[in-house]
N, C-alpha and C. Protein backbone atom coordinates (compact mmCIF):
# COMPACT_ATOMS: atom_id res chain seq x y z
N UNK A 1 -17.26 -35.62 -35.58
CA UNK A 1 -17.71 -35.54 -34.22
C UNK A 1 -18.84 -36.54 -33.98
N UNK A 2 -19.69 -36.70 -34.94
CA UNK A 2 -20.81 -37.64 -34.81
C UNK A 2 -20.30 -39.06 -34.57
N UNK A 3 -19.26 -39.46 -35.28
CA UNK A 3 -18.69 -40.80 -35.10
C UNK A 3 -18.14 -40.97 -33.70
N UNK A 4 -17.44 -39.96 -33.19
CA UNK A 4 -16.89 -40.04 -31.84
C UNK A 4 -18.01 -40.16 -30.80
N UNK A 5 -19.06 -39.38 -30.96
CA UNK A 5 -20.18 -39.44 -30.02
C UNK A 5 -20.86 -40.81 -30.08
N UNK A 6 -21.06 -41.34 -31.27
CA UNK A 6 -21.68 -42.66 -31.40
C UNK A 6 -20.84 -43.75 -30.75
N UNK A 7 -19.52 -43.69 -30.96
CA UNK A 7 -18.63 -44.69 -30.36
C UNK A 7 -18.65 -44.58 -28.84
N UNK A 8 -18.61 -43.34 -28.33
CA UNK A 8 -18.62 -43.13 -26.88
C UNK A 8 -19.95 -43.60 -26.28
N UNK A 9 -21.05 -43.29 -26.93
CA UNK A 9 -22.37 -43.68 -26.43
C UNK A 9 -22.50 -45.19 -26.32
N UNK A 10 -21.88 -45.92 -27.25
CA UNK A 10 -21.97 -47.38 -27.20
C UNK A 10 -21.11 -47.95 -26.08
N UNK A 11 -20.11 -47.21 -25.61
CA UNK A 11 -19.22 -47.70 -24.56
C UNK A 11 -19.63 -47.23 -23.16
N UNK A 12 -20.19 -46.04 -23.08
CA UNK A 12 -20.54 -45.47 -21.78
C UNK A 12 -21.89 -46.00 -21.30
N UNK A 13 -22.00 -46.17 -20.00
CA UNK A 13 -23.25 -46.68 -19.45
C UNK A 13 -24.17 -45.56 -18.96
N UNK A 14 -23.64 -44.35 -18.87
CA UNK A 14 -24.41 -43.21 -18.39
C UNK A 14 -24.63 -42.22 -19.54
N UNK A 15 -25.59 -41.32 -19.39
CA UNK A 15 -25.80 -40.30 -20.43
C UNK A 15 -24.58 -39.39 -20.55
N UNK A 16 -24.32 -38.92 -21.74
CA UNK A 16 -23.20 -38.02 -21.98
C UNK A 16 -23.53 -36.66 -21.37
N UNK A 17 -22.61 -36.18 -20.52
CA UNK A 17 -22.79 -34.89 -19.83
C UNK A 17 -22.13 -33.74 -20.57
N UNK A 18 -21.02 -34.03 -21.24
CA UNK A 18 -20.22 -32.95 -21.82
C UNK A 18 -19.48 -33.45 -23.05
N UNK A 19 -19.45 -32.61 -24.06
CA UNK A 19 -18.66 -32.87 -25.27
C UNK A 19 -17.81 -31.63 -25.51
N UNK A 20 -16.51 -31.82 -25.54
CA UNK A 20 -15.57 -30.72 -25.77
C UNK A 20 -14.82 -31.00 -27.07
N UNK A 21 -14.92 -30.07 -28.01
CA UNK A 21 -14.29 -30.24 -29.32
C UNK A 21 -13.14 -29.25 -29.44
N UNK A 22 -11.99 -29.75 -29.82
CA UNK A 22 -10.81 -28.91 -30.05
C UNK A 22 -10.32 -29.14 -31.48
N UNK A 23 -9.21 -28.53 -31.80
CA UNK A 23 -8.69 -28.58 -33.17
C UNK A 23 -8.50 -30.00 -33.70
N UNK A 24 -8.01 -30.91 -32.84
CA UNK A 24 -7.70 -32.26 -33.33
C UNK A 24 -8.23 -33.38 -32.44
N UNK A 25 -9.09 -33.05 -31.48
CA UNK A 25 -9.62 -34.10 -30.62
C UNK A 25 -10.98 -33.72 -30.06
N UNK A 26 -11.66 -34.76 -29.55
CA UNK A 26 -12.96 -34.60 -28.92
C UNK A 26 -12.87 -35.29 -27.56
N UNK A 27 -13.30 -34.60 -26.50
CA UNK A 27 -13.38 -35.20 -25.17
C UNK A 27 -14.85 -35.36 -24.83
N UNK A 28 -15.22 -36.55 -24.37
CA UNK A 28 -16.62 -36.84 -24.06
C UNK A 28 -16.68 -37.36 -22.63
N UNK A 29 -17.52 -36.72 -21.81
CA UNK A 29 -17.64 -37.10 -20.41
C UNK A 29 -19.05 -37.61 -20.12
N UNK A 30 -19.10 -38.65 -19.28
CA UNK A 30 -20.38 -39.19 -18.81
C UNK A 30 -20.16 -39.67 -17.39
N UNK A 31 -20.81 -39.03 -16.44
CA UNK A 31 -20.59 -39.40 -15.05
C UNK A 31 -19.14 -39.16 -14.68
N UNK A 32 -18.48 -40.20 -14.21
CA UNK A 32 -17.08 -40.07 -13.81
C UNK A 32 -16.12 -40.52 -14.91
N UNK A 33 -16.63 -40.95 -16.04
CA UNK A 33 -15.77 -41.44 -17.13
C UNK A 33 -15.54 -40.35 -18.16
N UNK A 34 -14.35 -40.38 -18.74
CA UNK A 34 -13.97 -39.42 -19.77
C UNK A 34 -13.26 -40.17 -20.89
N UNK A 35 -13.74 -40.02 -22.10
CA UNK A 35 -13.13 -40.66 -23.26
C UNK A 35 -12.57 -39.59 -24.18
N UNK A 36 -11.45 -39.91 -24.80
CA UNK A 36 -10.80 -38.98 -25.71
C UNK A 36 -10.66 -39.63 -27.09
N UNK A 37 -10.97 -38.86 -28.11
CA UNK A 37 -10.86 -39.34 -29.49
C UNK A 37 -10.09 -38.30 -30.30
N UNK A 38 -9.15 -38.76 -31.09
CA UNK A 38 -8.47 -37.90 -32.06
C UNK A 38 -9.18 -38.06 -33.39
N UNK A 39 -9.21 -37.00 -34.16
CA UNK A 39 -9.80 -37.10 -35.49
C UNK A 39 -8.93 -36.37 -36.50
N UNK A 40 -8.96 -36.86 -37.71
CA UNK A 40 -8.20 -36.23 -38.80
C UNK A 40 -8.80 -36.66 -40.13
N UNK A 41 -8.44 -35.94 -41.16
CA UNK A 41 -8.94 -36.24 -42.50
C UNK A 41 -7.87 -37.02 -43.25
N UNK A 42 -8.22 -38.21 -43.70
CA UNK A 42 -7.28 -39.06 -44.45
C UNK A 42 -7.65 -38.98 -45.93
N UNK A 43 -6.71 -38.57 -46.72
CA UNK A 43 -6.95 -38.41 -48.15
C UNK A 43 -6.03 -39.35 -48.93
N UNK A 44 -6.49 -39.84 -50.06
CA UNK A 44 -5.65 -40.66 -50.94
C UNK A 44 -4.98 -39.72 -51.95
N UNK A 45 -3.79 -40.09 -52.35
CA UNK A 45 -3.02 -39.25 -53.27
C UNK A 45 -2.65 -40.01 -54.53
N UNK A 46 -2.59 -39.27 -55.62
CA UNK A 46 -2.19 -39.82 -56.91
C UNK A 46 -0.67 -40.01 -56.92
N UNK A 47 -0.15 -40.78 -57.88
CA UNK A 47 1.31 -40.99 -57.95
C UNK A 47 2.10 -39.68 -58.07
N UNK A 48 1.48 -38.64 -58.63
CA UNK A 48 2.20 -37.37 -58.76
C UNK A 48 2.14 -36.52 -57.49
N UNK A 49 1.49 -37.04 -56.42
CA UNK A 49 1.43 -36.34 -55.15
C UNK A 49 0.21 -35.45 -54.98
N UNK A 50 -0.62 -35.34 -55.98
CA UNK A 50 -1.81 -34.51 -55.85
C UNK A 50 -2.94 -35.29 -55.17
N UNK A 51 -3.76 -34.56 -54.43
CA UNK A 51 -4.89 -35.20 -53.75
C UNK A 51 -5.92 -35.68 -54.76
N UNK A 52 -6.46 -36.86 -54.52
CA UNK A 52 -7.48 -37.41 -55.41
C UNK A 52 -8.85 -36.95 -54.93
N UNK A 53 -9.57 -36.18 -55.72
CA UNK A 53 -10.88 -35.67 -55.30
C UNK A 53 -11.84 -36.79 -54.92
N UNK A 54 -12.52 -36.60 -53.81
CA UNK A 54 -13.52 -37.57 -53.38
C UNK A 54 -12.97 -38.81 -52.71
N UNK A 55 -11.65 -38.86 -52.49
CA UNK A 55 -11.06 -40.08 -51.93
C UNK A 55 -10.86 -40.01 -50.43
N UNK A 56 -11.10 -38.86 -49.83
CA UNK A 56 -10.82 -38.69 -48.41
C UNK A 56 -11.97 -39.11 -47.52
N UNK A 57 -11.63 -39.27 -46.23
CA UNK A 57 -12.64 -39.61 -45.24
C UNK A 57 -12.13 -39.17 -43.87
N UNK A 58 -13.06 -38.94 -42.96
CA UNK A 58 -12.69 -38.60 -41.59
C UNK A 58 -12.39 -39.87 -40.83
N UNK A 59 -11.32 -39.85 -40.03
CA UNK A 59 -10.91 -40.99 -39.22
C UNK A 59 -10.99 -40.56 -37.76
N UNK A 60 -11.58 -41.41 -36.92
CA UNK A 60 -11.68 -41.17 -35.49
C UNK A 60 -10.99 -42.31 -34.77
N UNK A 61 -10.06 -41.97 -33.86
CA UNK A 61 -9.31 -42.98 -33.11
C UNK A 61 -9.43 -42.68 -31.62
N UNK A 62 -9.77 -43.69 -30.85
CA UNK A 62 -9.82 -43.52 -29.40
C UNK A 62 -8.40 -43.47 -28.87
N UNK A 63 -8.14 -42.54 -27.95
CA UNK A 63 -6.83 -42.43 -27.31
C UNK A 63 -7.02 -42.57 -25.80
N UNK A 64 -5.92 -42.64 -25.09
CA UNK A 64 -6.04 -42.72 -23.63
C UNK A 64 -6.19 -41.34 -23.00
N UNK A 65 -6.03 -40.28 -23.79
CA UNK A 65 -6.22 -38.93 -23.27
C UNK A 65 -4.98 -38.33 -22.66
N UNK A 66 -3.93 -39.13 -22.45
CA UNK A 66 -2.72 -38.60 -21.82
C UNK A 66 -2.03 -37.55 -22.69
N UNK A 67 -2.00 -37.78 -24.00
CA UNK A 67 -1.35 -36.80 -24.88
C UNK A 67 -2.11 -35.48 -24.85
N UNK A 68 -3.41 -35.56 -24.78
CA UNK A 68 -4.25 -34.36 -24.75
C UNK A 68 -4.04 -33.61 -23.45
N UNK A 69 -4.02 -34.34 -22.32
CA UNK A 69 -3.80 -33.70 -21.03
C UNK A 69 -2.43 -33.07 -20.95
N UNK A 70 -1.42 -33.73 -21.50
CA UNK A 70 -0.07 -33.18 -21.49
C UNK A 70 -0.01 -31.87 -22.26
N UNK A 71 -0.70 -31.80 -23.37
CA UNK A 71 -0.74 -30.57 -24.16
C UNK A 71 -1.38 -29.44 -23.39
N UNK A 72 -2.41 -29.73 -22.64
CA UNK A 72 -3.08 -28.71 -21.83
C UNK A 72 -2.15 -28.21 -20.73
N UNK A 73 -1.42 -29.14 -20.10
CA UNK A 73 -0.49 -28.72 -19.05
C UNK A 73 0.61 -27.83 -19.61
N UNK A 74 1.11 -28.16 -20.79
CA UNK A 74 2.14 -27.33 -21.41
C UNK A 74 1.62 -25.93 -21.66
N UNK A 75 0.39 -25.82 -22.13
CA UNK A 75 -0.21 -24.50 -22.37
C UNK A 75 -0.36 -23.73 -21.06
N UNK A 76 -0.77 -24.43 -20.00
CA UNK A 76 -0.92 -23.79 -18.70
C UNK A 76 0.42 -23.26 -18.20
N UNK A 77 1.47 -24.08 -18.28
CA UNK A 77 2.79 -23.63 -17.82
C UNK A 77 3.30 -22.46 -18.64
N UNK A 78 3.07 -22.49 -19.94
CA UNK A 78 3.49 -21.38 -20.79
C UNK A 78 2.76 -20.10 -20.39
N UNK A 79 1.48 -20.21 -20.09
CA UNK A 79 0.69 -19.05 -19.68
C UNK A 79 1.19 -18.52 -18.33
N UNK A 80 1.50 -19.43 -17.41
CA UNK A 80 2.02 -19.01 -16.11
C UNK A 80 3.37 -18.33 -16.22
N UNK A 81 4.22 -18.81 -17.12
CA UNK A 81 5.54 -18.19 -17.34
C UNK A 81 5.38 -16.74 -17.82
N UNK A 82 4.37 -16.51 -18.63
CA UNK A 82 4.14 -15.15 -19.14
C UNK A 82 3.77 -14.20 -18.01
N UNK A 83 3.12 -14.72 -16.97
CA UNK A 83 2.71 -13.87 -15.85
C UNK A 83 3.87 -13.47 -14.96
N UNK A 84 4.94 -14.27 -14.97
CA UNK A 84 6.07 -13.98 -14.07
C UNK A 84 7.15 -13.20 -14.75
């Protein structure tokens, strides 16, 4: 999360107003701008398929946010279907 905030702060011209953290993404808002970042843990593996201790790192990638918004809409529609 720290990496995502640092990247957003360097791009945004206004102070950050909101940080929303979910299972696999971070949304950061400043004024009228909204940036979305996906994050995941990348690990290196040995030839036998086992994880190599100490070889992993967190990866943060900026996205356009459309995939995240689409997922929210799907959840909303599913919730609405349950009501009917």
